[in-house]
Structure formats: structure tokens, C-alpha cells
N, C-alpha and C. Protein backbone atom coordinates (compact mmCIF):
# COMPACT_ATOMS: atom_id res chain seq x y z
N MET A 1 -8.53 4.81 -16.12
CA MET A 1 -9.11 3.60 -15.45
C MET A 1 -8.68 2.55 -16.83
N ASN A 2 -8.75 1.19 -16.14
CA ASN A 2 -8.32 -0.15 -16.79
C ASN A 2 -9.57 -1.07 -16.50
N ASP A 3 -9.84 -1.56 -17.52
CA ASP A 3 -11.27 -2.27 -17.28
C ASP A 3 -10.82 -3.63 -16.57
N ASP A 4 -9.76 -3.88 -16.38
CA ASP A 4 -9.40 -5.24 -15.55
C ASP A 4 -9.61 -4.75 -14.03
N LEU A 5 -10.59 -5.50 -13.66
CA LEU A 5 -11.05 -5.07 -12.21
C LEU A 5 -9.84 -5.14 -11.07
N ARG A 6 -9.21 -6.12 -11.28
CA ARG A 6 -7.64 -6.14 -10.45
C ARG A 6 -6.91 -5.41 -10.65
N TYR A 7 -6.80 -4.86 -11.55
CA TYR A 7 -5.58 -3.79 -11.63
C TYR A 7 -6.44 -2.31 -12.51
N PRO A 8 -7.08 -1.92 -11.82
CA PRO A 8 -7.90 -0.60 -12.44
C PRO A 8 -6.76 0.62 -12.71
N ILE A 9 -5.73 0.57 -12.07
CA ILE A 9 -4.85 1.52 -12.75
C ILE A 9 -3.59 1.22 -13.52
N GLY A 10 -3.98 -0.36 -13.81
CA GLY A 10 -2.69 -0.94 -14.56
C GLY A 10 -1.64 -1.56 -13.65
N ARG A 11 -0.71 -2.38 -13.76
CA ARG A 11 0.44 -2.85 -13.27
C ARG A 11 1.44 -1.99 -12.96
N PHE A 12 2.07 -2.07 -12.05
CA PHE A 12 3.47 -1.09 -11.63
C PHE A 12 4.50 -1.09 -12.89
N ALA A 13 4.51 -0.22 -13.23
CA ALA A 13 5.62 -0.25 -14.51
C ALA A 13 6.80 0.85 -13.80
N PRO A 14 7.92 0.13 -13.77
CA PRO A 14 8.98 1.01 -13.10
C PRO A 14 9.71 1.63 -14.07
N PRO A 15 10.22 2.76 -13.91
CA PRO A 15 10.68 3.92 -14.88
C PRO A 15 12.13 3.39 -15.48
N ALA A 16 12.52 4.04 -16.38
CA ALA A 16 13.72 3.69 -17.31
C ALA A 16 14.70 3.77 -16.08
N GLU A 17 14.66 4.76 -15.53
CA GLU A 17 15.85 5.42 -14.45
C GLU A 17 15.20 5.97 -13.14
N TYR A 18 15.68 5.65 -12.24
CA TYR A 18 15.37 6.07 -10.59
C TYR A 18 16.03 7.18 -10.41
N THR A 19 15.46 8.44 -10.39
CA THR A 19 15.94 9.69 -10.41
C THR A 19 15.68 10.31 -9.12
N PRO A 20 16.19 11.22 -8.55
CA PRO A 20 15.67 12.03 -7.49
C PRO A 20 14.18 12.75 -7.51
N GLU A 21 13.91 12.79 -8.65
CA GLU A 21 12.64 13.49 -9.16
C GLU A 21 11.56 12.50 -9.12
N VAL A 22 12.11 11.37 -9.69
CA VAL A 22 10.84 10.53 -9.88
C VAL A 22 10.64 9.57 -8.18
N ARG A 23 11.76 9.50 -7.32
CA ARG A 23 11.36 9.36 -5.99
C ARG A 23 10.48 10.68 -5.37
N ALA A 24 10.85 11.51 -5.45
CA ALA A 24 10.21 12.67 -4.78
C ALA A 24 8.64 12.72 -5.27
N ALA A 25 8.78 12.16 -6.51
CA ALA A 25 7.07 12.51 -6.72
C ALA A 25 6.43 11.05 -6.05
N TRP A 26 7.06 9.98 -6.10
CA TRP A 26 6.72 8.79 -5.37
C TRP A 26 6.23 9.02 -4.03
N ILE A 27 7.19 9.69 -3.43
CA ILE A 27 6.99 9.87 -1.72
C ILE A 27 5.93 10.94 -1.56
N ALA A 28 5.63 11.67 -2.47
CA ALA A 28 4.35 12.83 -2.53
C ALA A 28 2.99 11.77 -2.63
N GLU A 29 3.33 10.82 -3.63
CA GLU A 29 1.91 9.79 -3.72
C GLU A 29 1.83 8.92 -2.53
N PHE A 30 2.73 8.71 -1.96
CA PHE A 30 2.78 7.66 -1.10
C PHE A 30 2.43 8.51 0.46
N ALA A 31 2.46 9.58 0.50
CA ALA A 31 2.41 10.45 1.60
C ALA A 31 0.86 10.81 1.60
N MET A 32 0.16 11.13 0.36
CA MET A 32 -1.26 11.09 0.00
C MET A 32 -2.03 9.88 0.23
N ALA A 33 -1.53 8.72 0.38
CA ALA A 33 -2.45 7.58 0.37
C ALA A 33 -3.52 7.60 1.42
N PRO A 34 -3.00 7.83 2.47
CA PRO A 34 -4.01 7.80 3.87
C PRO A 34 -5.33 8.77 3.53
N ALA A 35 -4.97 9.62 3.01
CA ALA A 35 -6.10 10.74 3.08
C ALA A 35 -6.79 10.33 1.81
N GLU A 36 -6.21 9.91 0.63
CA GLU A 36 -6.88 9.45 -0.39
C GLU A 36 -7.81 8.16 0.14
N LEU A 37 -7.55 7.26 0.74
CA LEU A 37 -8.00 6.03 1.24
C LEU A 37 -9.29 6.40 2.29
N ARG A 38 -8.90 7.67 3.14
CA ARG A 38 -10.16 7.95 3.96
C ARG A 38 -11.19 8.76 2.98
N GLU A 39 -10.82 9.41 1.79
CA GLU A 39 -11.90 9.97 1.33
C GLU A 39 -12.61 8.55 0.33
N ALA A 40 -11.94 7.72 -0.12
CA ALA A 40 -12.66 6.91 -0.79
C ALA A 40 -13.35 5.81 0.01
N ILE A 41 -13.35 5.89 1.31
CA ILE A 41 -14.16 5.24 1.73
C ILE A 41 -15.42 6.01 2.77
N ALA A 42 -15.19 7.38 2.75
CA ALA A 42 -16.19 8.28 3.36
C ALA A 42 -17.46 8.06 2.84
N GLY A 43 -18.46 7.74 4.18
CA GLY A 43 -19.92 7.86 3.81
C GLY A 43 -20.35 6.29 3.46
N LEU A 44 -19.67 5.28 3.41
CA LEU A 44 -19.89 4.19 2.98
C LEU A 44 -20.50 3.53 4.14
N THR A 45 -21.73 2.52 3.70
CA THR A 45 -22.58 1.98 5.04
C THR A 45 -21.44 0.77 5.30
N PRO A 46 -21.80 0.16 6.36
CA PRO A 46 -21.54 -1.40 6.70
C PRO A 46 -21.80 -2.21 5.40
N PRO A 47 -22.79 -2.30 5.01
CA PRO A 47 -23.06 -3.18 4.08
C PRO A 47 -22.37 -3.07 2.68
N GLN A 48 -22.25 -1.46 2.38
CA GLN A 48 -21.08 -1.23 0.95
C GLN A 48 -19.75 -1.61 1.59
N LEU A 49 -19.44 -1.61 2.98
CA LEU A 49 -18.03 -1.85 3.05
C LEU A 49 -17.39 -3.28 3.11
N ALA A 50 -18.69 -3.99 2.81
CA ALA A 50 -18.76 -5.28 2.77
C ALA A 50 -18.80 -5.88 1.49
N THR A 51 -18.85 -5.13 0.79
CA THR A 51 -19.16 -5.50 -0.57
C THR A 51 -17.76 -5.88 -1.47
N PRO A 52 -17.76 -7.01 -1.90
CA PRO A 52 -16.31 -7.09 -2.75
C PRO A 52 -16.13 -5.97 -3.99
N TYR A 53 -14.79 -5.70 -4.20
CA TYR A 53 -15.02 -4.92 -5.21
C TYR A 53 -15.08 -5.65 -6.48
N ARG A 54 -14.69 -6.78 -6.70
CA ARG A 54 -15.05 -7.95 -7.69
C ARG A 54 -15.22 -9.25 -7.19
N GLU A 55 -15.96 -10.09 -8.24
CA GLU A 55 -15.87 -11.60 -7.76
C GLU A 55 -14.83 -12.07 -7.11
N GLY A 56 -14.91 -12.49 -6.18
CA GLY A 56 -13.56 -13.07 -5.48
C GLY A 56 -12.53 -12.21 -5.04
N GLY A 57 -12.73 -10.97 -5.26
CA GLY A 57 -11.95 -9.93 -4.61
C GLY A 57 -12.56 -9.52 -3.08
N TRP A 58 -11.57 -8.61 -2.37
CA TRP A 58 -11.52 -8.13 -1.09
C TRP A 58 -12.77 -7.23 -0.89
N THR A 59 -13.19 -6.80 0.08
CA THR A 59 -14.08 -5.73 0.54
C THR A 59 -13.38 -4.48 0.55
N PRO A 60 -14.12 -3.28 0.57
CA PRO A 60 -13.34 -2.12 1.11
C PRO A 60 -12.68 -2.26 2.60
N ILE A 61 -13.34 -2.82 3.40
CA ILE A 61 -12.94 -2.98 4.79
C ILE A 61 -11.73 -3.76 4.68
N GLN A 62 -11.48 -4.82 4.00
CA GLN A 62 -10.53 -5.66 4.03
C GLN A 62 -9.37 -4.92 3.38
N VAL A 63 -9.36 -4.02 2.29
CA VAL A 63 -8.32 -3.42 1.33
C VAL A 63 -8.11 -2.45 2.58
N VAL A 64 -8.61 -1.66 3.34
CA VAL A 64 -8.20 -0.97 4.43
C VAL A 64 -7.35 -1.60 5.34
N HIS A 65 -7.63 -2.73 5.70
CA HIS A 65 -6.93 -3.34 6.64
C HIS A 65 -5.59 -4.00 6.07
N HIS A 66 -5.80 -4.05 4.70
CA HIS A 66 -4.31 -4.82 4.10
C HIS A 66 -3.60 -3.90 3.54
N LEU A 67 -3.90 -2.56 3.46
CA LEU A 67 -3.09 -1.43 3.49
C LEU A 67 -2.46 -1.22 4.61
N VAL A 68 -2.87 -1.30 5.54
CA VAL A 68 -2.01 -0.98 7.00
C VAL A 68 -0.99 -2.32 6.92
N ASP A 69 -1.55 -3.38 6.92
CA ASP A 69 -1.01 -4.61 7.08
C ASP A 69 0.72 -4.66 6.18
N SER A 70 0.02 -4.40 4.92
CA SER A 70 1.32 -4.27 4.03
C SER A 70 2.42 -3.26 4.20
N HIS A 71 1.78 -2.02 4.39
CA HIS A 71 2.52 -0.91 4.38
C HIS A 71 3.57 -0.97 5.59
N VAL A 72 2.77 -1.49 6.72
CA VAL A 72 3.78 -1.71 8.22
C VAL A 72 4.89 -3.09 7.69
N ASN A 73 4.62 -3.84 6.95
CA ASN A 73 5.62 -4.91 6.89
C ASN A 73 6.63 -3.90 6.09
N THR A 74 6.24 -3.21 5.08
CA THR A 74 7.03 -2.41 4.11
C THR A 74 8.12 -1.68 4.77
N TYR A 75 7.45 -0.68 5.96
CA TYR A 75 8.21 0.08 6.68
C TYR A 75 9.37 -0.81 7.43
N VAL A 76 8.88 -1.89 7.81
CA VAL A 76 9.92 -2.44 8.50
C VAL A 76 10.90 -3.21 7.92
N ARG A 77 10.76 -3.40 6.82
CA ARG A 77 11.66 -4.05 5.73
C ARG A 77 12.55 -2.65 5.27
N PHE A 78 11.81 -1.69 4.85
CA PHE A 78 13.01 -0.51 4.81
C PHE A 78 14.04 -0.06 6.01
N LYS A 79 13.29 -0.11 7.21
CA LYS A 79 14.23 0.06 8.67
C LYS A 79 15.10 -1.21 8.27
N GLN A 80 15.04 -2.26 8.05
CA GLN A 80 15.93 -3.25 8.15
C GLN A 80 17.14 -2.99 7.23
N ALA A 81 16.53 -2.90 5.98
CA ALA A 81 17.65 -2.57 4.73
C ALA A 81 18.61 -1.43 4.86
N LEU A 82 18.18 -0.37 5.64
CA LEU A 82 18.82 0.66 5.92
C LEU A 82 19.77 0.62 7.13
N THR A 83 19.75 -0.61 7.86
CA THR A 83 20.26 -0.72 8.94
C THR A 83 20.91 -2.30 9.05
N GLU A 84 20.84 -2.97 8.27
CA GLU A 84 21.25 -4.10 8.03
C GLU A 84 21.71 -4.23 6.69
N ASP A 85 22.97 -5.27 6.41
CA ASP A 85 23.50 -5.48 4.93
C ASP A 85 22.63 -6.38 4.44
N ALA A 86 21.31 -6.02 3.35
CA ALA A 86 20.60 -7.05 2.67
C ALA A 86 20.18 -7.96 3.45
N PRO A 87 19.69 -7.35 4.31
CA PRO A 87 18.66 -8.49 5.30
C PRO A 87 17.74 -9.52 4.50
N ALA A 88 17.40 -10.58 4.95
CA ALA A 88 16.37 -11.22 4.53
C ALA A 88 15.15 -11.03 5.30
N VAL A 89 14.12 -10.78 4.47
CA VAL A 89 12.80 -10.34 5.23
C VAL A 89 11.76 -11.65 5.14
N SER A 90 10.89 -11.62 5.91
CA SER A 90 9.93 -12.74 5.75
C SER A 90 8.64 -11.86 5.05
N ASP A 91 8.03 -13.04 4.41
CA ASP A 91 6.65 -12.89 3.93
C ASP A 91 5.70 -12.91 4.73
N TYR A 92 4.52 -12.82 4.21
CA TYR A 92 3.36 -12.87 5.10
C TYR A 92 2.11 -13.41 4.15
N ASN A 93 1.20 -14.04 4.35
CA ASN A 93 -0.12 -14.48 3.35
C ASN A 93 -1.09 -13.59 3.61
N GLU A 94 -1.04 -12.60 2.64
CA GLU A 94 -2.26 -11.44 2.84
C GLU A 94 -3.50 -12.16 2.66
N ASN A 95 -3.81 -12.95 1.90
CA ASN A 95 -5.25 -13.49 1.89
C ASN A 95 -5.44 -14.18 2.99
N ALA A 96 -4.52 -14.72 3.73
CA ALA A 96 -5.00 -15.38 4.98
C ALA A 96 -5.31 -14.22 6.31
N TRP A 97 -4.28 -13.19 5.89
CA TRP A 97 -4.49 -12.02 6.79
C TRP A 97 -5.66 -11.08 6.77
N ALA A 98 -6.12 -11.18 5.26
CA ALA A 98 -7.50 -10.47 5.03
C ALA A 98 -8.66 -11.35 5.66
N GLU A 99 -8.65 -12.38 5.70
CA GLU A 99 -9.64 -13.38 6.07
C GLU A 99 -9.67 -13.09 8.00
N MET A 100 -8.67 -12.83 8.58
CA MET A 100 -8.81 -12.69 10.03
C MET A 100 -9.85 -11.85 10.48
N ALA A 101 -10.46 -11.98 11.57
CA ALA A 101 -11.69 -11.36 12.08
C ALA A 101 -11.25 -9.71 12.31
N ASP A 102 -9.80 -9.46 12.48
CA ASP A 102 -9.55 -8.08 12.41
C ASP A 102 -9.90 -7.42 11.49
N ALA A 103 -9.44 -7.91 10.19
CA ALA A 103 -9.52 -7.57 8.61
C ALA A 103 -10.83 -7.45 8.08
N ARG A 104 -12.12 -8.19 8.99
CA ARG A 104 -13.32 -8.07 8.24
C ARG A 104 -14.20 -7.32 9.15
N SER A 105 -13.71 -6.64 9.92
CA SER A 105 -14.60 -5.82 10.85
C SER A 105 -14.45 -4.55 10.75
N THR A 106 -15.60 -3.93 10.49
CA THR A 106 -15.67 -2.48 10.06
C THR A 106 -15.70 -1.81 11.68
N SER A 107 -15.53 -2.26 12.64
CA SER A 107 -15.64 -1.59 14.03
C SER A 107 -14.12 -1.08 14.32
N GLY A 108 -13.24 -1.78 13.62
CA GLY A 108 -11.82 -1.37 13.50
C GLY A 108 -11.20 -0.34 12.70
N ILE A 109 -11.90 0.05 11.61
CA ILE A 109 -11.69 0.89 10.53
C ILE A 109 -11.05 2.24 11.13
N GLU A 110 -11.37 2.73 11.61
CA GLU A 110 -10.77 4.21 12.38
C GLU A 110 -9.88 3.84 12.97
N THR A 111 -9.44 2.72 13.71
CA THR A 111 -8.33 2.57 14.18
C THR A 111 -7.29 2.35 13.20
N SER A 112 -7.48 1.46 11.99
CA SER A 112 -6.51 1.28 10.88
C SER A 112 -6.40 2.58 9.87
N LEU A 113 -7.24 3.17 9.93
CA LEU A 113 -7.14 4.53 9.13
C LEU A 113 -5.87 5.46 9.97
N LYS A 114 -6.02 5.74 11.28
CA LYS A 114 -5.24 6.38 12.23
C LYS A 114 -3.78 5.48 12.15
N LEU A 115 -3.63 4.21 12.27
CA LEU A 115 -2.51 3.64 12.25
C LEU A 115 -1.78 3.89 10.77
N LEU A 116 -2.63 3.93 9.61
CA LEU A 116 -1.82 4.01 8.37
C LEU A 116 -1.39 5.42 8.25
N GLU A 117 -2.32 6.64 8.85
CA GLU A 117 -1.67 7.92 8.48
C GLU A 117 -0.51 8.17 9.47
N ALA A 118 -0.43 7.55 10.74
CA ALA A 118 0.68 7.55 11.90
C ALA A 118 2.28 7.02 10.92
N MET A 119 1.75 5.84 10.61
CA MET A 119 2.98 5.17 9.94
C MET A 119 3.29 5.87 8.67
N HIS A 120 2.54 6.40 8.14
CA HIS A 120 2.99 6.89 6.77
C HIS A 120 3.43 8.25 7.25
N ALA A 121 3.18 9.05 8.11
CA ALA A 121 3.86 10.14 8.60
C ALA A 121 5.41 9.76 8.91
N ARG A 122 5.60 8.94 9.56
CA ARG A 122 7.02 8.37 9.88
C ARG A 122 7.70 8.05 8.67
N PHE A 123 7.01 7.26 8.05
CA PHE A 123 7.66 6.33 6.37
C PHE A 123 8.33 7.49 5.83
N VAL A 124 7.41 8.25 5.94
CA VAL A 124 7.29 9.63 4.82
C VAL A 124 8.78 10.55 5.30
N ALA A 125 8.72 10.70 6.76
CA ALA A 125 9.81 11.53 7.25
C ALA A 125 11.28 10.57 6.91
N MET A 126 11.06 9.36 7.02
CA MET A 126 12.66 8.54 7.05
C MET A 126 12.93 8.70 5.85
N MET A 127 12.08 8.38 4.51
CA MET A 127 12.36 8.39 3.56
C MET A 127 12.74 10.07 2.87
N ARG A 128 12.37 10.89 3.17
CA ARG A 128 12.82 12.18 2.92
C ARG A 128 14.36 12.47 3.29
N ALA A 129 14.58 11.87 4.51
CA ALA A 129 15.81 11.83 5.28
C ALA A 129 16.98 10.93 4.49
N MET A 130 16.47 10.36 3.55
CA MET A 130 17.34 8.97 3.16
C MET A 130 18.56 10.13 2.39
N ARG A 131 19.67 9.38 2.23
CA ARG A 131 20.73 9.65 1.65
C ARG A 131 20.40 9.22 0.18
N GLU A 132 21.23 9.83 -1.23
CA GLU A 132 21.16 9.36 -2.34
C GLU A 132 21.59 7.81 -2.60
N ASP A 133 22.68 7.34 -2.09
CA ASP A 133 23.02 5.77 -1.83
C ASP A 133 22.27 4.97 -1.09
N ASP A 134 21.36 5.69 -0.21
CA ASP A 134 20.67 4.67 0.69
C ASP A 134 19.39 4.03 -0.33
N TRP A 135 18.97 4.56 -1.06
CA TRP A 135 18.09 3.84 -2.05
C TRP A 135 18.60 2.85 -2.70
N ALA A 136 19.83 2.55 -3.11
CA ALA A 136 20.46 1.32 -3.94
C ALA A 136 20.50 0.24 -3.02
N ARG A 137 20.33 0.55 -1.57
CA ARG A 137 20.12 -0.59 -0.36
C ARG A 137 19.25 -1.73 -0.78
N THR A 138 19.32 -2.86 -0.32
CA THR A 138 18.48 -4.02 -0.84
C THR A 138 17.90 -4.83 0.70
N TYR A 139 16.76 -5.43 0.32
CA TYR A 139 16.60 -6.49 1.18
C TYR A 139 16.18 -7.88 0.22
N THR A 140 16.48 -8.86 0.97
CA THR A 140 16.00 -10.22 0.08
C THR A 140 14.68 -10.82 0.69
N HIS A 141 13.80 -10.80 -0.33
CA HIS A 141 12.27 -11.19 -0.37
C HIS A 141 12.35 -12.70 -0.52
N PRO A 142 11.57 -13.42 0.23
CA PRO A 142 11.97 -14.88 -0.39
C PRO A 142 11.14 -15.38 -1.70
N ARG A 143 10.09 -14.37 -1.99
CA ARG A 143 9.57 -14.71 -3.29
C ARG A 143 10.14 -13.96 -4.41
N HIS A 144 10.56 -12.76 -4.09
CA HIS A 144 11.05 -11.56 -5.27
C HIS A 144 12.53 -11.46 -5.30
N GLY A 145 13.17 -12.01 -4.15
CA GLY A 145 14.60 -12.17 -4.53
C GLY A 145 15.15 -10.40 -3.73
N ALA A 146 16.35 -10.32 -4.23
CA ALA A 146 16.74 -8.70 -3.76
C ALA A 146 15.92 -7.76 -4.57
N ARG A 147 15.43 -6.96 -3.58
CA ARG A 147 14.72 -5.79 -3.70
C ARG A 147 15.46 -4.01 -3.31
N ARG A 148 15.65 -3.52 -4.29
CA ARG A 148 16.30 -2.14 -4.04
C ARG A 148 15.04 -1.12 -3.17
N LEU A 149 15.47 -0.44 -2.29
CA LEU A 149 14.55 0.47 -1.90
C LEU A 149 13.91 1.45 -2.62
N ASP A 150 14.41 1.86 -3.79
CA ASP A 150 13.95 2.72 -4.76
C ASP A 150 12.85 2.20 -5.47
N ARG A 151 13.14 0.74 -5.95
CA ARG A 151 12.13 0.35 -6.69
C ARG A 151 10.57 0.11 -5.66
N THR A 152 11.17 -0.41 -4.47
CA THR A 152 10.12 -0.84 -3.79
C THR A 152 9.34 0.36 -2.99
N LEU A 153 9.99 1.84 -3.10
CA LEU A 153 8.87 2.79 -3.24
C LEU A 153 8.13 3.07 -4.18
N GLY A 154 8.62 2.87 -5.39
CA GLY A 154 7.74 2.92 -6.57
C GLY A 154 6.63 2.15 -5.99
N ILE A 155 6.49 0.74 -6.03
CA ILE A 155 5.89 -0.10 -5.88
C ILE A 155 4.72 0.10 -5.00
N TYR A 156 4.98 0.64 -3.73
CA TYR A 156 4.29 1.03 -3.14
C TYR A 156 3.67 2.41 -2.79
N ALA A 157 3.80 3.17 -3.83
CA ALA A 157 3.19 4.43 -4.16
C ALA A 157 2.24 4.02 -5.02
N TRP A 158 2.48 2.97 -5.81
CA TRP A 158 1.81 2.58 -6.72
C TRP A 158 0.31 1.60 -6.16
N HIS A 159 0.92 0.78 -5.09
CA HIS A 159 0.19 0.03 -4.11
C HIS A 159 -0.95 0.91 -3.57
N GLY A 160 -0.72 1.89 -3.07
CA GLY A 160 -1.78 2.55 -2.54
C GLY A 160 -2.85 3.25 -3.27
N ARG A 161 -2.40 3.89 -4.20
CA ARG A 161 -3.34 4.28 -5.66
C ARG A 161 -4.10 3.13 -6.10
N HIS A 162 -3.40 2.00 -6.33
CA HIS A 162 -4.18 0.57 -6.87
C HIS A 162 -5.23 0.24 -5.96
N HIS A 163 -5.00 0.26 -4.66
CA HIS A 163 -6.03 -0.15 -3.68
C HIS A 163 -7.51 0.89 -3.54
N VAL A 164 -6.90 2.24 -3.66
CA VAL A 164 -7.61 3.22 -3.32
C VAL A 164 -8.91 2.90 -5.04
N ALA A 165 -8.16 2.57 -5.83
CA ALA A 165 -8.73 2.63 -7.16
C ALA A 165 -10.00 1.66 -7.03
N HIS A 166 -9.71 0.49 -6.28
CA HIS A 166 -10.44 -0.79 -6.23
C HIS A 166 -11.62 -0.25 -5.55
N ILE A 167 -11.44 0.75 -4.71
CA ILE A 167 -12.74 1.03 -4.01
C ILE A 167 -13.44 2.36 -4.83
N THR A 168 -12.83 3.16 -5.16
CA THR A 168 -13.31 4.10 -5.81
C THR A 168 -13.72 3.75 -7.14
N ALA A 169 -13.53 2.69 -7.82
CA ALA A 169 -14.21 2.12 -9.09
C ALA A 169 -15.20 1.13 -8.70
N LEU A 170 -15.13 0.72 -7.40
CA LEU A 170 -16.65 0.11 -7.08
C LEU A 170 -17.58 1.12 -6.69
N ARG A 171 -17.48 2.03 -6.21
CA ARG A 171 -18.40 2.90 -5.95
C ARG A 171 -18.99 3.75 -7.33
N GLN A 172 -18.30 4.08 -8.49
CA GLN A 172 -18.48 4.25 -9.63
C GLN A 172 -19.47 3.13 -10.18
N ARG A 173 -19.22 1.93 -10.12
CA ARG A 173 -20.06 0.85 -10.79
C ARG A 173 -21.19 0.67 -9.79
N MET A 174 -21.01 0.69 -8.78
CA MET A 174 -22.40 0.78 -7.94
C MET A 174 -23.45 1.81 -7.86
N GLY A 175 -22.67 3.10 -8.23
CA GLY A 175 -23.50 4.47 -8.08
C GLY A 175 -23.81 4.75 -6.69
N TRP A 176 -22.63 4.55 -5.91
CA TRP A 176 -22.53 5.01 -4.39
C TRP A 176 -21.96 6.64 -4.68
């Protein structure tokens, strides 16, 4: 664990080389994210779910809804990159999305967990079926420029662990 509450597992560190073994490990991590998220929030009360993980940070409920929003966007970006030549993808304002009523509501948490589980199942099946040359395909992000799919996989395997750690670190600090 890292002492920086924003990055409890540290920042994403790309490998020296994107190999089939590295990608397989990342796919396995990505596949586990919904179950790890479900476990991280298990037993939390509505007031606990509404407690920011750090000053100025999101609450566990916002983290749950954010993971769905973010990973659905990434799933669409993968599909675009696999079916189009270096498509331009749209960005979204994740902080504004996290302030929307659906992202602050505990009543929709089970729906978001089920959506994340179902979408990850499809996403993982798609990634396991990708050919070696598919991983070099790219999309163009308005803030980040060209992004290869292998790097994107690594970022999102990290992203799930990163946000689960926000919740588990909060639980540990609060003695929940």
C-alpha cells in the first residue's frame, strides 16, 4: 500500500514489453475486478458508502458507479478500435458524472454491480479471443492521443485494483 490516498497502489507503471503473458495476467486481474469490488463494499452501511475515501475524494458508492461508467466507455473504445482504423473516441467528464444523482445513490448499487459483472464477462471474452496483432490497434483519445489496446488493458486492470484499494484502505483506516 502507498501512503498517498489518491494512489493507494501507486500509479500505473507500464511494462518494458507487452507480452502475451503480461496481457494474460492483466486480463485475469480485470476479470476479478467486479468480485473484488463487491467484496470491498460488502456490509457497508449507507452512511459508510457515503463517506469519501479522502478529503475531496469520491465516496464508495461513487467509486462503484464510476467503475461502471469508465469500464463501459473503455469497452466501447476497444470495440471501435477493433472494427475501425484508429478511431477518434470521445472523452467524458468523470467528475461531473460522479456528481449525477445516479452516481450518488445507494439504491442503484446492485444494478451497477450486476452491470459491471455482465460487461466484464463480455469484455474478457472479447479480449481472450483477440489475435496478437489486435493488441497493437489504436484509438485516438482527445486528451491522451493515440492509445494502443495492450496499454489500455494494463491501465484498466490497474484501474479496477486502484479503486477497490480506495475502498479497502478507507475501511482499514475507519476500522470498518
